[in-house]
PDB file of N, CA and C in Angstrom:
ATOM      1  N   MET A   1     110.325 115.534 125.170  1.00  0.00           N
ATOM      2  CA  MET A   1     110.525 115.075 123.818  1.00  0.00           C
ATOM      3  C   MET A   1     109.116 114.854 123.182  1.00  0.00           C
ATOM      4  N   CYS A   2     108.211 114.225 123.976  1.00  0.00           N
ATOM      5  CA  CYS A   2     106.891 114.024 123.373  1.00  0.00           C
ATOM      6  C   CYS A   2     106.147 115.259 122.980  1.00  0.00           C
ATOM      7  N   GLU A   3     106.399 116.369 123.840  1.00  0.00           N
ATOM      8  CA  GLU A   3     105.895 117.648 123.415  1.00  0.00           C
ATOM      9  C   GLU A   3     106.279 118.114 122.116  1.00  0.00           C
ATOM     10  N   LEU A   4     107.622 118.037 121.844  1.00  0.00           N
ATOM     11  CA  LEU A   4     108.120 118.468 120.541  1.00  0.00           C
ATOM     12  C   LEU A   4     107.608 117.634 119.445  1.00  0.00           C
ATOM     13  N   MET A   5     107.450 116.358 119.707  1.00  0.00           N
ATOM     14  CA  MET A   5     106.981 115.374 118.581  1.00  0.00           C
ATOM     15  C   MET A   5     105.520 115.740 118.255  1.00  0.00           C
ATOM     16  N   THR A   6     104.719 116.013 119.269  1.00  0.00           N
ATOM     17  CA  THR A   6     103.282 116.287 119.039  1.00  0.00           C
ATOM     18  C   THR A   6     103.075 117.611 118.344  1.00  0.00           C
ATOM     19  N   ILE A   7     103.964 118.607 118.688  1.00  0.00           N
ATOM     20  CA  ILE A   7     103.851 119.902 118.070  1.00  0.00           C
ATOM     21  C   ILE A   7     104.242 119.702 116.567  1.00  0.00           C
ATOM     22  N   ALA A   8     105.272 118.993 116.260  1.00  0.00           N
ATOM     23  CA  ALA A   8     105.621 118.782 114.885  1.00  0.00           C
ATOM     24  C   ALA A   8     104.530 118.091 114.087  1.00  0.00           C
ATOM     25  N   ALA A   9     103.976 117.058 114.733  1.00  0.00           N
ATOM     26  CA  ALA A   9     102.924 116.323 114.037  1.00  0.00           C
ATOM     27  C   ALA A   9     101.716 117.234 113.743  1.00  0.00           C
ATOM     28  N   ALA A  10     101.321 118.055 114.809  1.00  0.00           N
ATOM     29  CA  ALA A  10     100.183 118.940 114.616  1.00  0.00           C
ATOM     30  C   ALA A  10     100.425 119.914 113.473  1.00  0.00           C
ATOM     31  N   LEU A  11     101.606 120.449 113.434  1.00  0.00           N
ATOM     32  CA  LEU A  11     101.900 121.392 112.401  1.00  0.00           C
ATOM     33  C   LEU A  11     101.892 120.756 111.017  1.00  0.00           C
ATOM     34  N   PHE A  12     102.442 119.527 110.966  1.00  0.00           N
ATOM     35  CA  PHE A  12     102.573 118.806 109.712  1.00  0.00           C
ATOM     36  C   PHE A  12     101.085 118.525 109.179  1.00  0.00           C
ATOM     37  N   PHE A  13     100.261 117.954 110.015  1.00  0.00           N
ATOM     38  CA  PHE A  13      98.942 117.611 109.593  1.00  0.00           C
ATOM     39  C   PHE A  13      98.053 118.857 109.310  1.00  0.00           C
ATOM     40  N   ALA A  14      98.326 119.923 110.039  1.00  0.00           N
ATOM     41  CA  ALA A  14      97.553 121.171 109.775  1.00  0.00           C
ATOM     42  C   ALA A  14      97.977 121.816 108.404  1.00  0.00           C
ATOM     43  N   ALA A  15      99.282 121.704 108.202  1.00  0.00           N
ATOM     44  CA  ALA A  15      99.725 122.266 106.804  1.00  0.00           C
ATOM     45  C   ALA A  15      99.194 121.429 105.639  1.00  0.00           C
ATOM     46  N   LEU A  16      99.126 120.133 105.858  1.00  0.00           N
ATOM     47  CA  LEU A  16      98.565 119.186 104.763  1.00  0.00           C
ATOM     48  C   LEU A  16      97.132 119.508 104.607  1.00  0.00           C
ATOM     49  N   ALA A  17      96.392 119.622 105.673  1.00  0.00           N
ATOM     50  CA  ALA A  17      94.971 119.856 105.601  1.00  0.00           C
ATOM     51  C   ALA A  17      94.656 121.216 104.892  1.00  0.00           C
ATOM     52  N   ALA A  18      95.532 122.227 105.254  1.00  0.00           N
ATOM     53  CA  ALA A  18      95.292 123.591 104.669  1.00  0.00           C
ATOM     54  C   ALA A  18      95.617 123.617 103.177  1.00  0.00           C
ATOM     55  N   SER A  19      96.669 122.869 102.807  1.00  0.00           N
ATOM     56  CA  SER A  19      97.017 122.821 101.407  1.00  0.00           C
ATOM     57  C   SER A  19      95.944 122.064 100.574  1.00  0.00           C
ATOM     58  N   ARG A  20      95.373 120.965 101.087  1.00  0.00           N
ATOM     59  CA  ARG A  20      94.279 120.262 100.479  1.00  0.00           C
ATOM     60  C   ARG A  20      93.057 121.134 100.321  1.00  0.00           C
ATOM     61  N   ARG A  21      92.771 121.920 101.342  1.00  0.00           N
ATOM     62  CA  ARG A  21      91.517 122.810 101.227  1.00  0.00           C
ATOM     63  C   ARG A  21      91.805 123.905 100.222  1.00  0.00           C
ATOM     64  N   ARG A  22      92.956 124.482 100.149  1.00  0.00           N
ATOM     65  CA  ARG A  22      93.243 125.479  99.076  1.00  0.00           C
ATOM     66  C   ARG A  22      93.167 124.863  97.697  1.00  0.00           C
ATOM     67  N   ALA A  23      93.445 123.577  97.597  1.00  0.00           N
ATOM     68  CA  ALA A  23      93.371 122.894  96.312  1.00  0.00           C
ATOM     69  C   ALA A  23      91.988 122.457  95.916  1.00  0.00           C
ATOM     70  N   GLY A  24      91.025 122.748  96.853  1.00  0.00           N
ATOM     71  CA  GLY A  24      89.632 122.426  96.630  1.00  0.00           C
ATOM     72  C   GLY A  24      89.346 120.977  96.907  1.00  0.00           C
ATOM     73  N   ARG A  25      90.147 120.280  97.584  1.00  0.00           N
ATOM     74  CA  ARG A  25      89.907 118.804  97.892  1.00  0.00           C
ATOM     75  C   ARG A  25      89.955 118.715  99.450  1.00  0.00           C
ATOM     76  N   PRO A  26      88.785 118.834 100.105  1.00  0.00           N
ATOM     77  CA  PRO A  26      88.728 118.827 101.537  1.00  0.00           C
ATOM     78  C   PRO A  26      89.159 117.422 102.043  1.00  0.00           C
ATOM     79  N   ALA A  27      89.877 117.392 103.178  1.00  0.00           N
ATOM     80  CA  ALA A  27      90.303 116.146 103.742  1.00  0.00           C
ATOM     81  C   ALA A  27      89.997 116.260 105.224  1.00  0.00           C
ATOM     82  N   ARG A  28      88.865 115.751 105.626  1.00  0.00           N
ATOM     83  CA  ARG A  28      88.477 115.758 107.066  1.00  0.00           C
ATOM     84  C   ARG A  28      89.321 114.946 107.908  1.00  0.00           C
ATOM     85  N   ALA A  29      89.866 113.936 107.410  1.00  0.00           N
ATOM     86  CA  ALA A  29      90.731 113.032 108.231  1.00  0.00           C
ATOM     87  C   ALA A  29      92.045 113.834 108.609  1.00  0.00           C
ATOM     88  N   LEU A  30      92.579 114.616 107.645  1.00  0.00           N
ATOM     89  CA  LEU A  30      93.781 115.400 107.985  1.00  0.00           C
ATOM     90  C   LEU A  30      93.454 116.473 109.076  1.00  0.00           C
ATOM     91  N   GLY A  31      92.368 117.152 108.903  1.00  0.00           N
ATOM     92  CA  GLY A  31      92.008 118.144 109.901  1.00  0.00           C
ATOM     93  C   GLY A  31      91.759 117.504 111.270  1.00  0.00           C
ATOM     94  N   THR A  32      90.963 116.478 111.346  1.00  0.00           N
ATOM     95  CA  THR A  32      90.735 115.800 112.591  1.00  0.00           C
ATOM     96  C   THR A  32      92.073 115.364 113.284  1.00  0.00           C
ATOM     97  N   THR A  33      92.922 114.753 112.526  1.00  0.00           N
ATOM     98  CA  THR A  33      94.159 114.359 113.053  1.00  0.00           C
ATOM     99  C   THR A  33      95.026 115.466 113.530  1.00  0.00           C
ATOM    100  N   ALA A  34      94.932 116.612 112.879  1.00  0.00           N
ATOM    101  CA  ALA A  34      95.764 117.799 113.312  1.00  0.00           C
ATOM    102  C   ALA A  34      95.126 118.256 114.621  1.00  0.00           C
ATOM    103  N   LEU A  35      93.848 118.207 114.805  1.00  0.00           N
ATOM    104  CA  LEU A  35      93.189 118.615 115.998  1.00  0.00           C
ATOM    105  C   LEU A  35      93.599 117.736 117.166  1.00  0.00           C
ATOM    106  N   VAL A  36      93.703 116.395 116.925  1.00  0.00           N
ATOM    107  CA  VAL A  36      94.039 115.478 117.942  1.00  0.00           C
ATOM    108  C   VAL A  36      95.456 115.735 118.349  1.00  0.00           C
ATOM    109  N   PHE A  37      96.353 115.988 117.389  1.00  0.00           N
ATOM    110  CA  PHE A  37      97.785 116.215 117.759  1.00  0.00           C
ATOM    111  C   PHE A  37      97.986 117.582 118.515  1.00  0.00           C
ATOM    112  N   THR A  38      97.080 118.617 118.112  1.00  0.00           N
ATOM    113  CA  THR A  38      97.055 119.870 118.754  1.00  0.00           C
ATOM    114  C   THR A  38      96.620 119.763 120.243  1.00  0.00           C
ATOM    115  N   GLY A  39      95.583 118.922 120.461  1.00  0.00           N
ATOM    116  CA  GLY A  39      95.108 118.649 121.844  1.00  0.00           C
ATOM    117  C   GLY A  39      96.236 118.011 122.661  1.00  0.00           C
ATOM    118  N   ALA A  40      96.976 117.067 122.143  1.00  0.00           N
ATOM    119  CA  ALA A  40      98.069 116.457 122.821  1.00  0.00           C
ATOM    120  C   ALA A  40      99.042 117.369 123.142  1.00  0.00           C
ATOM    121  N   ALA A  41      99.462 118.267 122.150  1.00  0.00           N
ATOM    122  CA  ALA A  41     100.500 119.265 122.344  1.00  0.00           C
ATOM    123  C   ALA A  41     100.115 120.229 123.468  1.00  0.00           C
ATOM    124  N   LEU A  42      98.804 120.644 123.494  1.00  0.00           N
ATOM    125  CA  LEU A  42      98.382 121.595 124.570  1.00  0.00           C
ATOM    126  C   LEU A  42      98.485 120.852 125.940  1.00  0.00           C
ATOM    127  N   MET A  43      98.062 119.621 125.918  1.00  0.00           N
ATOM    128  CA  MET A  43      98.145 118.927 127.313  1.00  0.00           C
ATOM    129  C   MET A  43      99.548 118.791 127.793  1.00  0.00           C
ATOM    130  N   TRP A  44     100.525 118.491 126.836  1.00  0.00           N
ATOM    131  CA  TRP A  44     101.902 118.416 127.317  1.00  0.00           C
ATOM    132  C   TRP A  44     102.588 119.802 127.534  1.00  0.00           C
ATOM    133  N   SER A  45     102.001 120.795 126.967  1.00  0.00           N
ATOM    134  CA  SER A  45     102.475 122.169 127.208  1.00  0.00           C
ATOM    135  C   SER A  45     102.129 122.531 128.727  1.00  0.00           C
ATOM    136  N   VAL A  46     100.998 122.151 129.114  1.00  0.00           N
ATOM    137  CA  VAL A  46     100.553 122.360 130.507  1.00  0.00           C
ATOM    138  C   VAL A  46     101.494 121.612 131.442  1.00  0.00           C
ATOM    139  N   ASP A  47     101.729 120.342 131.046  1.00  0.00           N
ATOM    140  CA  ASP A  47     102.634 119.539 131.905  1.00  0.00           C
ATOM    141  C   ASP A  47     104.014 120.116 132.019  1.00  0.00           C
ATOM    142  N   CYS A  48     104.545 120.597 130.790  1.00  0.00           N
ATOM    143  CA  CYS A  48     105.833 121.243 130.770  1.00  0.00           C
ATOM    144  C   CYS A  48     105.916 122.411 131.644  1.00  0.00           C
ATOM    145  N   VAL A  49     104.927 123.332 131.549  1.00  0.00           N
ATOM    146  CA  VAL A  49     104.979 124.531 132.443  1.00  0.00           C
ATOM    147  C   VAL A  49     104.895 124.161 133.899  1.00  0.00           C
ATOM    148  N   HIS A  50     104.019 123.124 134.213  1.00  0.00           N
ATOM    149  CA  HIS A  50     103.945 122.729 135.570  1.00  0.00           C
ATOM    150  C   HIS A  50     105.298 122.139 136.093  1.00  0.00           C
ATOM    151  N   SER A  51     105.955 121.449 135.241  1.00  0.00           N
ATOM    152  CA  SER A  51     107.265 120.964 135.667  1.00  0.00           C
ATOM    153  C   SER A  51     108.256 122.074 135.794  1.00  0.00           C
ATOM    154  N   LEU A  52     108.178 123.123 135.023  1.00  0.00           N
ATOM    155  CA  LEU A  52     109.127 124.267 135.082  1.00  0.00           C
ATOM    156  C   LEU A  52     108.810 124.965 136.425  1.00  0.00           C
ATOM    157  N   LEU A  53     107.566 125.195 136.714  1.00  0.00           N
ATOM    158  CA  LEU A  53     107.200 125.893 137.982  1.00  0.00           C
ATOM    159  C   LEU A  53     107.640 125.122 139.285  1.00  0.00           C
ATOM    160  N   GLU A  54     107.817 123.795 139.165  1.00  0.00           N
ATOM    161  CA  GLU A  54     108.305 123.025 140.239  1.00  0.00           C
ATOM    162  C   GLU A  54     109.790 122.885 140.221  1.00  0.00           C
ATOM    163  N   GLY A  55     110.496 123.572 139.418  1.00  0.00           N
ATOM    164  CA  GLY A  55     111.925 123.657 139.383  1.00  0.00           C
ATOM    165  C   GLY A  55     112.624 122.656 138.479  1.00  0.00           C
ATOM    166  N   GLU A  56     111.813 121.899 137.732  1.00  0.00           N
ATOM    167  CA  GLU A  56     112.454 120.938 136.845  1.00  0.00           C
ATOM    168  C   GLU A  56     112.735 121.634 135.456  1.00  0.00           C
ATOM    169  N   GLY A  57     113.316 120.883 134.560  1.00  0.00           N
ATOM    170  CA  GLY A  57     113.496 121.357 133.221  1.00  0.00           C
ATOM    171  C   GLY A  57     112.205 121.596 132.420  1.00  0.00           C
ATOM    172  N   LEU A  58     112.242 122.452 131.429  1.00  0.00           N
ATOM    173  CA  LEU A  58     111.004 122.634 130.589  1.00  0.00           C
ATOM    174  C   LEU A  58     110.656 121.417 129.773  1.00  0.00           C
ATOM    175  N   PHE A  59     111.619 120.769 129.142  1.00  0.00           N
ATOM    176  CA  PHE A  59     111.410 119.666 128.309  1.00  0.00           C
ATOM    177  C   PHE A  59     112.082 118.368 128.943  1.00  0.00           C
ATOM    178  N   ASP A  60     111.396 117.245 128.862  1.00  0.00           N
ATOM    179  CA  ASP A  60     111.916 116.011 129.309  1.00  0.00           C
ATOM    180  C   ASP A  60     112.573 115.304 128.006  1.00  0.00           C
ATOM    181  N   LEU A  61     113.851 115.250 127.970  1.00  0.00           N
ATOM    182  CA  LEU A  61     114.492 114.668 126.750  1.00  0.00           C
ATOM    183  C   LEU A  61     114.982 113.241 126.961  1.00  0.00           C
ATOM    184  N   SER A  62     114.400 112.508 127.871  1.00  0.00           N
ATOM    185  CA  SER A  62     114.821 111.133 128.251  1.00  0.00           C
ATOM    186  C   SER A  62     114.317 110.156 127.163  1.00  0.00           C
ATOM    187  N   ALA A  63     114.858 108.962 127.201  1.00  0.00           N
ATOM    188  CA  ALA A  63     114.482 107.967 126.269  1.00  0.00           C
ATOM    189  C   ALA A  63     113.084 107.481 126.510  1.00  0.00           C
ATOM    190  N   ASP A  64     112.650 107.483 127.735  1.00  0.00           N
ATOM    191  CA  ASP A  64     111.205 107.035 128.130  1.00  0.00           C
ATOM    192  C   ASP A  64     110.212 107.997 127.531  1.00  0.00           C
ATOM    193  N   ASP A  65     110.525 109.324 127.568  1.00  0.00           N
ATOM    194  CA  ASP A  65     109.701 110.298 127.016  1.00  0.00           C
ATOM    195  C   ASP A  65     109.626 110.220 125.501  1.00  0.00           C
ATOM    196  N   ALA A  66     110.796 109.942 124.848  1.00  0.00           N
ATOM    197  CA  ALA A  66     110.766 109.764 123.420  1.00  0.00           C
ATOM    198  C   ALA A  66     109.971 108.583 122.979  1.00  0.00           C
ATOM    199  N   LEU A  67     110.075 107.457 123.759  1.00  0.00           N
ATOM    200  CA  LEU A  67     109.246 106.328 123.545  1.00  0.00           C
ATOM    201  C   LEU A  67     107.751 106.666 123.697  1.00  0.00           C
ATOM    202  N   LEU A  68     107.378 107.410 124.670  1.00  0.00           N
ATOM    203  CA  LEU A  68     106.013 107.800 124.838  1.00  0.00           C
ATOM    204  C   LEU A  68     105.557 108.679 123.721  1.00  0.00           C
ATOM    205  N   GLY A  69     106.358 109.559 123.154  1.00  0.00           N
ATOM    206  CA  GLY A  69     106.074 110.391 122.024  1.00  0.00           C
ATOM    207  C   GLY A  69     105.955 109.527 120.762  1.00  0.00           C
ATOM    208  N   ALA A  70     106.736 108.557 120.630  1.00  0.00           N
ATOM    209  CA  ALA A  70     106.585 107.639 119.466  1.00  0.00           C
ATOM    210  C   ALA A  70     105.332 106.868 119.481  1.00  0.00           C
ATOM    211  N   LEU A  71     104.949 106.458 120.721  1.00  0.00           N
ATOM    212  CA  LEU A  71     103.611 105.702 120.843  1.00  0.00           C
ATOM    213  C   LEU A  71     102.472 106.634 120.568  1.00  0.00           C
ATOM    214  N   VAL A  72     102.524 107.860 120.952  1.00  0.00           N
ATOM    215  CA  VAL A  72     101.454 108.827 120.675  1.00  0.00           C
ATOM    216  C   VAL A  72     101.370 109.057 119.197  1.00  0.00           C
ATOM    217  N   LEU A  73     102.518 109.234 118.557  1.00  0.00           N
ATOM    218  CA  LEU A  73     102.574 109.373 117.051  1.00  0.00           C
ATOM    219  C   LEU A  73     102.011 108.194 116.362  1.00  0.00           C
ATOM    220  N   ALA A  74     102.266 107.001 116.763  1.00  0.00           N
ATOM    221  CA  ALA A  74     101.787 105.817 116.214  1.00  0.00           C
ATOM    222  C   ALA A  74     100.206 105.713 116.387  1.00  0.00           C
ATOM    223  N   ALA A  75      99.758 106.115 117.503  1.00  0.00           N
ATOM    224  CA  ALA A  75      98.371 106.060 117.765  1.00  0.00           C
ATOM    225  C   ALA A  75      97.667 107.118 116.870  1.00  0.00           C
ATOM    226  N   GLY A  76      98.220 108.284 116.741  1.00  0.00           N
ATOM    227  CA  GLY A  76      97.719 109.338 115.902  1.00  0.00           C
ATOM    228  C   GLY A  76      97.644 108.925 114.361  1.00  0.00           C
ATOM    229  N   LEU A  77      98.754 108.237 113.979  1.00  0.00           N
ATOM    230  CA  LEU A  77      98.818 107.734 112.606  1.00  0.00           C
ATOM    231  C   LEU A  77      97.803 106.702 112.321  1.00  0.00           C
ATOM    232  N   ALA A  78      97.567 105.810 113.393  1.00  0.00           N
ATOM    233  CA  ALA A  78      96.484 104.793 113.204  1.00  0.00           C
ATOM    234  C   ALA A  78      95.177 105.411 113.122  1.00  0.00           C
ATOM    235  N   LEU A  79      94.866 106.444 113.893  1.00  0.00           N
ATOM    236  CA  LEU A  79      93.665 107.177 113.812  1.00  0.00           C
ATOM    237  C   LEU A  79      93.469 107.714 112.477  1.00  0.00           C
ATOM    238  N   PHE A  80      94.491 108.372 111.949  1.00  0.00           N
ATOM    239  CA  PHE A  80      94.469 108.951 110.566  1.00  0.00           C
ATOM    240  C   PHE A  80      94.173 107.891 109.567  1.00  0.00           C
ATOM    241  N   ALA A  81      94.738 106.720 109.607  1.00  0.00           N
ATOM    242  CA  ALA A  81      94.549 105.595 108.679  1.00  0.00           C
ATOM    243  C   ALA A  81      92.992 105.145 108.736  1.00  0.00           C
ATOM    244  N   ILE A  82      92.540 105.017 109.953  1.00  0.00           N
ATOM    245  CA  ILE A  82      91.142 104.633 110.042  1.00  0.00           C
ATOM    246  C   ILE A  82      90.187 105.691 109.529  1.00  0.00           C
ATOM    247  N   LEU A  83      90.398 106.935 109.821  1.00  0.00           N
ATOM    248  CA  LEU A  83      89.578 108.054 109.303  1.00  0.00           C
ATOM    249  C   LEU A  83      89.689 108.155 107.796  1.00  0.00           C
ATOM    250  N   ARG A  84      90.847 107.996 107.233  1.00  0.00           N
ATOM    251  CA  ARG A  84      91.041 108.108 105.826  1.00  0.00           C
ATOM    252  C   ARG A  84      90.342 106.872 105.093  1.00  0.00           C
ATOM    253  N   LEU A  85      90.481 105.753 105.723  1.00  0.00           N
ATOM    254  CA  LEU A  85      89.769 104.553 105.184  1.00  0.00           C
ATOM    255  C   LEU A  85      88.249 104.766 105.175  1.00  0.00           C
ATOM    256  N   ARG A  86      87.755 105.289 106.213  1.00  0.00           N
ATOM    257  CA  ARG A  86      86.364 105.522 106.402  1.00  0.00           C
ATOM    258  C   ARG A  86      85.901 106.650 105.289  1.00  0.00           C
ATOM    259  N   GLU A  87      86.790 107.637 105.022  1.00  0.00           N
ATOM    260  CA  GLU A  87      86.454 108.626 104.019  1.00  0.00           C
ATOM    261  C   GLU A  87      86.418 107.946 102.610  1.00  0.00           C
ATOM    262  N   GLY A  88      87.387 107.084 102.455  1.00  0.00           N
ATOM    263  CA  GLY A  88      87.358 106.389 101.138  1.00  0.00           C
ATOM    264  C   GLY A  88      86.188 105.504 100.954  1.00  0.00           C
ATOM    265  N   LEU A  89      85.728 104.876 101.958  1.00  0.00           N
ATOM    266  CA  LEU A  89      84.539 103.983 101.824  1.00  0.00           C
ATOM    267  C   LEU A  89      83.305 104.818 101.545  1.00  0.00           C
ATOM    268  N   ALA A  90      83.281 106.003 102.228  1.00  0.00           N
ATOM    269  CA  ALA A  90      82.072 106.885 102.047  1.00  0.00           C
ATOM    270  C   ALA A  90      82.045 107.425 100.614  1.00  0.00           C
ATOM    271  N   GLU A  91      83.158 107.632  99.977  1.00  0.00           N
ATOM    272  CA  GLU A  91      83.206 108.161  98.661  1.00  0.00           C
ATOM    273  C   GLU A  91      82.774 107.180  97.589  1.00  0.00           C
ATOM    274  N   ALA A  92      82.946 105.879  97.855  1.00  0.00           N
ATOM    275  CA  ALA A  92      82.726 104.834  96.897  1.00  0.00           C
ATOM    276  C   ALA A  92      81.356 104.517  96.779  1.00  0.00           C
TER     277      ALA A  92
END
């Protein structure tokens, strides 16, 4: 579950960053957050493949894994808030 959550978050932040860049308003906080979620998704992809090779299921859809995914999303959103706040202070 955490794999799917981080992939969705990476795609969401990457799409937001790309749309802001196309509009001529760069947003480094969005890009950095997208990279963080992409790194987490890659890490869990390796873990999912390893689990599959050991005979387990590809995705862990347990409640504990969903809670871990929610915690990772919360940490990523907190990072985004800090980066965005820092960007705002630098512009002022």
